[in-house]
Amino acid sequence: MSYKGSPAHTPANCKGCVYRGNFSAGISVCNFAEITGKLRNCPADKCPYYLKKKRSKGVKK
């Protein structure tokens, strides 16, 4: 789950990805397998499954 020995480090190409998740204590993980039911089968720095998170819109009153 960790990337290059640091469990809190998120690879630059993973930042903003919809499959990226955080546990308590700031541990960053890839949730691709949990969300899709398929294995990623590639290292994090060469992942072709990046999907940008959509910004949430503010609540209008």
PDB file of N, CA and C in Angstrom:
ATOM      1  N   MET A   1       0.805  -1.201   0.000  1.00  0.00           N
ATOM      2  CA  MET A   1       0.000   0.000   0.000  1.00  0.00           C
ATOM      3  C   MET A   1       0.842   1.257   0.000  1.00  0.00           C
ATOM      4  N   SER A   2       2.013   1.177   0.572  1.00  0.00           N
ATOM      5  CA  SER A   2       2.830   2.384   0.647  1.00  0.00           C
ATOM      6  C   SER A   2       3.582   2.587  -0.659  1.00  0.00           C
ATOM      7  N   TYR A   3       4.047   3.768  -0.846  1.00  0.00           N
ATOM      8  CA  TYR A   3       4.774   4.134  -2.056  1.00  0.00           C
ATOM      9  C   TYR A   3       6.173   4.553  -1.665  1.00  0.00           C
ATOM     10  N   LYS A   4       7.170   3.805  -2.083  1.00  0.00           N
ATOM     11  CA  LYS A   4       8.572   4.081  -1.791  1.00  0.00           C
ATOM     12  C   LYS A   4       8.844   4.223  -0.302  1.00  0.00           C
ATOM     13  N   GLY A   5       8.258   3.340   0.495  1.00  0.00           N
ATOM     14  CA  GLY A   5       8.565   3.275   1.908  1.00  0.00           C
ATOM     15  C   GLY A   5       7.817   4.232   2.810  1.00  0.00           C
ATOM     16  N   SER A   6       7.074   5.169   2.283  1.00  0.00           N
ATOM     17  CA  SER A   6       6.349   6.121   3.108  1.00  0.00           C
ATOM     18  C   SER A   6       4.850   5.926   2.916  1.00  0.00           C
ATOM     19  N   PRO A   7       4.139   5.458   3.948  1.00  0.00           N
ATOM     20  CA  PRO A   7       2.702   5.228   3.789  1.00  0.00           C
ATOM     21  C   PRO A   7       1.887   6.508   3.633  1.00  0.00           C
ATOM     22  N   ALA A   8       2.448   7.644   4.003  1.00  0.00           N
ATOM     23  CA  ALA A   8       1.718   8.904   3.907  1.00  0.00           C
ATOM     24  C   ALA A   8       1.982   9.627   2.585  1.00  0.00           C
ATOM     25  N   HIS A   9       2.914   9.127   1.786  1.00  0.00           N
ATOM     26  CA  HIS A   9       3.273   9.790   0.524  1.00  0.00           C
ATOM     27  C   HIS A   9       2.324   9.377  -0.594  1.00  0.00           C
ATOM     28  N   THR A  10       1.810  10.345  -1.310  1.00  0.00           N
ATOM     29  CA  THR A  10       0.977  10.090  -2.479  1.00  0.00           C
ATOM     30  C   THR A  10       1.785  10.456  -3.718  1.00  0.00           C
ATOM     31  N   PRO A  11       1.942   9.544  -4.676  1.00  0.00           N
ATOM     32  CA  PRO A  11       2.668   9.868  -5.897  1.00  0.00           C
ATOM     33  C   PRO A  11       2.029  11.065  -6.608  1.00  0.00           C
ATOM     34  N   ALA A  12       2.841  11.878  -7.230  1.00  0.00           N
ATOM     35  CA  ALA A  12       2.355  13.096  -7.895  1.00  0.00           C
ATOM     36  C   ALA A  12       1.290  12.790  -8.944  1.00  0.00           C
ATOM     37  N   ASN A  13       1.436  11.688  -9.671  1.00  0.00           N
ATOM     38  CA  ASN A  13       0.452  11.369 -10.710  1.00  0.00           C
ATOM     39  C   ASN A  13      -0.841  10.792 -10.138  1.00  0.00           C
ATOM     40  N   CYS A  14      -0.931  10.572  -8.820  1.00  0.00           N
ATOM     41  CA  CYS A  14      -2.156  10.056  -8.177  1.00  0.00           C
ATOM     42  C   CYS A  14      -2.972  11.165  -7.517  1.00  0.00           C
ATOM     43  N   LYS A  15      -2.374  12.316  -7.303  1.00  0.00           N
ATOM     44  CA  LYS A  15      -3.074  13.391  -6.615  1.00  0.00           C
ATOM     45  C   LYS A  15      -4.269  13.856  -7.441  1.00  0.00           C
ATOM     46  N   GLY A  16      -5.430  13.898  -6.814  1.00  0.00           N
ATOM     47  CA  GLY A  16      -6.639  14.325  -7.493  1.00  0.00           C
ATOM     48  C   GLY A  16      -7.397  13.189  -8.166  1.00  0.00           C
ATOM     49  N   CYS A  17      -6.922  11.955  -8.036  1.00  0.00           N
ATOM     50  CA  CYS A  17      -7.569  10.805  -8.670  1.00  0.00           C
ATOM     51  C   CYS A  17      -8.763  10.343  -7.833  1.00  0.00           C
ATOM     52  N   VAL A  18      -9.839   9.949  -8.487  1.00  0.00           N
ATOM     53  CA  VAL A  18     -11.035   9.493  -7.776  1.00  0.00           C
ATOM     54  C   VAL A  18     -10.781   8.197  -7.014  1.00  0.00           C
ATOM     55  N   TYR A  19      -9.786   7.421  -7.412  1.00  0.00           N
ATOM     56  CA  TYR A  19      -9.495   6.153  -6.760  1.00  0.00           C
ATOM     57  C   TYR A  19      -8.592   6.307  -5.537  1.00  0.00           C
ATOM     58  N   ARG A  20      -8.089   7.499  -5.273  1.00  0.00           N
ATOM     59  CA  ARG A  20      -7.193   7.733  -4.147  1.00  0.00           C
ATOM     60  C   ARG A  20      -7.999   7.883  -2.874  1.00  0.00           C
ATOM     61  N   GLY A  21      -7.576   7.205  -1.828  1.00  0.00           N
ATOM     62  CA  GLY A  21      -8.274   7.294  -0.554  1.00  0.00           C
ATOM     63  C   GLY A  21      -7.308   7.504   0.590  1.00  0.00           C
ATOM     64  N   ASN A  22      -7.787   7.958   1.705  1.00  0.00           N
ATOM     65  CA  ASN A  22      -6.959   8.178   2.887  1.00  0.00           C
ATOM     66  C   ASN A  22      -7.571   7.474   4.077  1.00  0.00           C
ATOM     67  N   PHE A  23      -6.722   6.809   4.829  1.00  0.00           N
ATOM     68  CA  PHE A  23      -7.119   6.238   6.102  1.00  0.00           C
ATOM     69  C   PHE A  23      -6.793   7.257   7.176  1.00  0.00           C
ATOM     70  N   SER A  24      -7.178   6.970   8.392  1.00  0.00           N
ATOM     71  CA  SER A  24      -6.795   7.844   9.490  1.00  0.00           C
ATOM     72  C   SER A  24      -5.274   7.853   9.592  1.00  0.00           C
ATOM     73  N   ALA A  25      -4.733   8.849  10.196  1.00  0.00           N
ATOM     74  CA  ALA A  25      -3.280   9.049  10.337  1.00  0.00           C
ATOM     75  C   ALA A  25      -2.629   9.415   9.009  1.00  0.00           C
ATOM     76  N   GLY A  26      -3.415   9.815   8.008  1.00  0.00           N
ATOM     77  CA  GLY A  26      -2.869  10.313   6.751  1.00  0.00           C
ATOM     78  C   GLY A  26      -2.272   9.273   5.831  1.00  0.00           C
ATOM     79  N   ILE A  27      -2.638   8.015   5.982  1.00  0.00           N
ATOM     80  CA  ILE A  27      -2.109   6.976   5.110  1.00  0.00           C
ATOM     81  C   ILE A  27      -2.879   7.005   3.801  1.00  0.00           C
ATOM     82  N   SER A  28      -2.157   7.192   2.707  1.00  0.00           N
ATOM     83  CA  SER A  28      -2.745   7.321   1.382  1.00  0.00           C
ATOM     84  C   SER A  28      -2.705   5.976   0.662  1.00  0.00           C
ATOM     85  N   VAL A  29      -3.838   5.551   0.099  1.00  0.00           N
ATOM     86  CA  VAL A  29      -3.911   4.271  -0.604  1.00  0.00           C
ATOM     87  C   VAL A  29      -4.694   4.419  -1.911  1.00  0.00           C
ATOM     88  N   CYS A  30      -4.480   3.458  -2.797  1.00  0.00           N
ATOM     89  CA  CYS A  30      -5.242   3.392  -4.031  1.00  0.00           C
ATOM     90  C   CYS A  30      -6.428   2.459  -3.810  1.00  0.00           C
ATOM     91  N   ASN A  31      -7.631   2.946  -4.022  1.00  0.00           N
ATOM     92  CA  ASN A  31      -8.840   2.149  -3.840  1.00  0.00           C
ATOM     93  C   ASN A  31      -9.392   1.617  -5.161  1.00  0.00           C
ATOM     94  N   PHE A  32      -8.558   1.551  -6.194  1.00  0.00           N
ATOM     95  CA  PHE A  32      -9.008   1.103  -7.510  1.00  0.00           C
ATOM     96  C   PHE A  32      -9.667  -0.278  -7.437  1.00  0.00           C
ATOM     97  N   ALA A  33      -9.018  -1.247  -6.786  1.00  0.00           N
ATOM     98  CA  ALA A  33      -9.554  -2.607  -6.713  1.00  0.00           C
ATOM     99  C   ALA A  33     -10.861  -2.651  -5.934  1.00  0.00           C
ATOM    100  N   GLU A  34     -10.956  -1.889  -4.864  1.00  0.00           N
ATOM    101  CA  GLU A  34     -12.173  -1.874  -4.060  1.00  0.00           C
ATOM    102  C   GLU A  34     -13.347  -1.273  -4.827  1.00  0.00           C
ATOM    103  N   ILE A  35     -13.102  -0.215  -5.570  1.00  0.00           N
ATOM    104  CA  ILE A  35     -14.162   0.483  -6.295  1.00  0.00           C
ATOM    105  C   ILE A  35     -14.591  -0.269  -7.558  1.00  0.00           C
ATOM    106  N   THR A  36     -13.618  -0.766  -8.326  1.00  0.00           N
ATOM    107  CA  THR A  36     -13.931  -1.389  -9.617  1.00  0.00           C
ATOM    108  C   THR A  36     -14.075  -2.903  -9.559  1.00  0.00           C
ATOM    109  N   GLY A  37     -13.482  -3.542  -8.537  1.00  0.00           N
ATOM    110  CA  GLY A  37     -13.497  -4.995  -8.464  1.00  0.00           C
ATOM    111  C   GLY A  37     -12.433  -5.641  -9.333  1.00  0.00           C
ATOM    112  N   LYS A  38     -11.519  -4.850  -9.893  1.00  0.00           N
ATOM    113  CA  LYS A  38     -10.437  -5.348 -10.747  1.00  0.00           C
ATOM    114  C   LYS A  38      -9.101  -4.925 -10.140  1.00  0.00           C
ATOM    115  N   LEU A  39      -8.053  -5.711 -10.392  1.00  0.00           N
ATOM    116  CA  LEU A  39      -6.724  -5.337  -9.933  1.00  0.00           C
ATOM    117  C   LEU A  39      -6.101  -4.354 -10.916  1.00  0.00           C
ATOM    118  N   ARG A  40      -5.294  -3.454 -10.394  1.00  0.00           N
ATOM    119  CA  ARG A  40      -4.639  -2.448 -11.217  1.00  0.00           C
ATOM    120  C   ARG A  40      -3.500  -3.047 -12.022  1.00  0.00           C
ATOM    121  N   ASN A  41      -2.737  -3.998 -11.447  1.00  0.00           N
ATOM    122  CA  ASN A  41      -1.640  -4.705 -12.114  1.00  0.00           C
ATOM    123  C   ASN A  41      -0.589  -3.801 -12.737  1.00  0.00           C
ATOM    124  N   CYS A  42      -0.279  -2.701 -12.076  1.00  0.00           N
ATOM    125  CA  CYS A  42       0.782  -1.814 -12.528  1.00  0.00           C
ATOM    126  C   CYS A  42       1.270  -1.012 -11.330  1.00  0.00           C
ATOM    127  N   PRO A  43       2.501  -0.514 -11.386  1.00  0.00           N
ATOM    128  CA  PRO A  43       2.981   0.317 -10.286  1.00  0.00           C
ATOM    129  C   PRO A  43       2.255   1.664 -10.274  1.00  0.00           C
ATOM    130  N   ALA A  44       2.190   2.279  -9.115  1.00  0.00           N
ATOM    131  CA  ALA A  44       1.463   3.545  -8.964  1.00  0.00           C
ATOM    132  C   ALA A  44       2.000   4.643  -9.877  1.00  0.00           C
ATOM    133  N   ASP A  45       3.313   4.691 -10.083  1.00  0.00           N
ATOM    134  CA  ASP A  45       3.875   5.759 -10.906  1.00  0.00           C
ATOM    135  C   ASP A  45       3.641   5.564 -12.403  1.00  0.00           C
ATOM    136  N   LYS A  46       3.112   4.412 -12.820  1.00  0.00           N
ATOM    137  CA  LYS A  46       2.815   4.160 -14.245  1.00  0.00           C
ATOM    138  C   LYS A  46       1.343   3.790 -14.454  1.00  0.00           C
ATOM    139  N   CYS A  47       0.483   4.186 -13.542  1.00  0.00           N
ATOM    140  CA  CYS A  47      -0.923   3.805 -13.582  1.00  0.00           C
ATOM    141  C   CYS A  47      -1.686   4.511 -14.716  1.00  0.00           C
ATOM    142  N   PRO A  48      -2.376   3.758 -15.590  1.00  0.00           N
ATOM    143  CA  PRO A  48      -3.141   4.354 -16.682  1.00  0.00           C
ATOM    144  C   PRO A  48      -4.613   4.625 -16.324  1.00  0.00           C
ATOM    145  N   TYR A  49      -5.003   4.399 -15.058  1.00  0.00           N
ATOM    146  CA  TYR A  49      -6.404   4.490 -14.666  1.00  0.00           C
ATOM    147  C   TYR A  49      -6.776   5.796 -13.970  1.00  0.00           C
ATOM    148  N   TYR A  50      -5.966   6.816 -14.080  1.00  0.00           N
ATOM    149  CA  TYR A  50      -6.230   8.086 -13.411  1.00  0.00           C
ATOM    150  C   TYR A  50      -7.538   8.705 -13.919  1.00  0.00           C
ATOM    151  N   LEU A  51      -8.415   9.060 -12.990  1.00  0.00           N
ATOM    152  CA  LEU A  51      -9.631   9.800 -13.304  1.00  0.00           C
ATOM    153  C   LEU A  51      -9.673  11.003 -12.376  1.00  0.00           C
ATOM    154  N   LYS A  52      -9.790  12.168 -12.948  1.00  0.00           N
ATOM    155  CA  LYS A  52      -9.802  13.391 -12.152  1.00  0.00           C
ATOM    156  C   LYS A  52     -11.092  13.503 -11.352  1.00  0.00           C
ATOM    157  N   LYS A  53     -10.953  13.907 -10.080  1.00  0.00           N
ATOM    158  CA  LYS A  53     -12.128  14.133  -9.233  1.00  0.00           C
ATOM    159  C   LYS A  53     -12.882  15.345  -9.741  1.00  0.00           C
ATOM    160  N   LYS A  54     -14.184  15.280  -9.699  1.00  0.00           N
ATOM    161  CA  LYS A  54     -14.996  16.438 -10.070  1.00  0.00           C
ATOM    162  C   LYS A  54     -15.152  17.316  -8.848  1.00  0.00           C
ATOM    163  N   ARG A  55     -15.117  18.586  -9.063  1.00  0.00           N
ATOM    164  CA  ARG A  55     -15.291  19.530  -7.959  1.00  0.00           C
ATOM    165  C   ARG A  55     -16.739  19.515  -7.508  1.00  0.00           C
ATOM    166  N   SER A  56     -16.921  19.575  -6.203  1.00  0.00           N
ATOM    167  CA  SER A  56     -18.279  19.631  -5.692  1.00  0.00           C
ATOM    168  C   SER A  56     -18.773  21.066  -5.742  1.00  0.00           C
ATOM    169  N   LYS A  57     -20.011  21.241  -6.053  1.00  0.00           N
ATOM    170  CA  LYS A  57     -20.584  22.577  -6.144  1.00  0.00           C
ATOM    171  C   LYS A  57     -21.108  22.967  -4.782  1.00  0.00           C
ATOM    172  N   GLY A  58     -21.003  24.225  -4.462  1.00  0.00           N
ATOM    173  CA  GLY A  58     -21.485  24.721  -3.188  1.00  0.00           C
ATOM    174  C   GLY A  58     -22.997  24.590  -3.076  1.00  0.00           C
ATOM    175  N   VAL A  59     -23.468  24.476  -1.874  1.00  0.00           N
ATOM    176  CA  VAL A  59     -24.895  24.348  -1.627  1.00  0.00           C
ATOM    177  C   VAL A  59     -25.528  25.729  -1.695  1.00  0.00           C
ATOM    178  N   LYS A  60     -26.537  25.881  -2.541  1.00  0.00           N
ATOM    179  CA  LYS A  60     -27.223  27.171  -2.663  1.00  0.00           C
ATOM    180  C   LYS A  60     -28.385  27.216  -1.700  1.00  0.00           C
ATOM    181  N   LYS A  61     -28.549  28.342  -1.090  1.00  0.00           N
ATOM    182  CA  LYS A  61     -29.642  28.500  -0.116  1.00  0.00           C
ATOM    183  C   LYS A  61     -30.782  29.259  -0.716  1.00  0.00           C
TER     184      LYS A  61
END
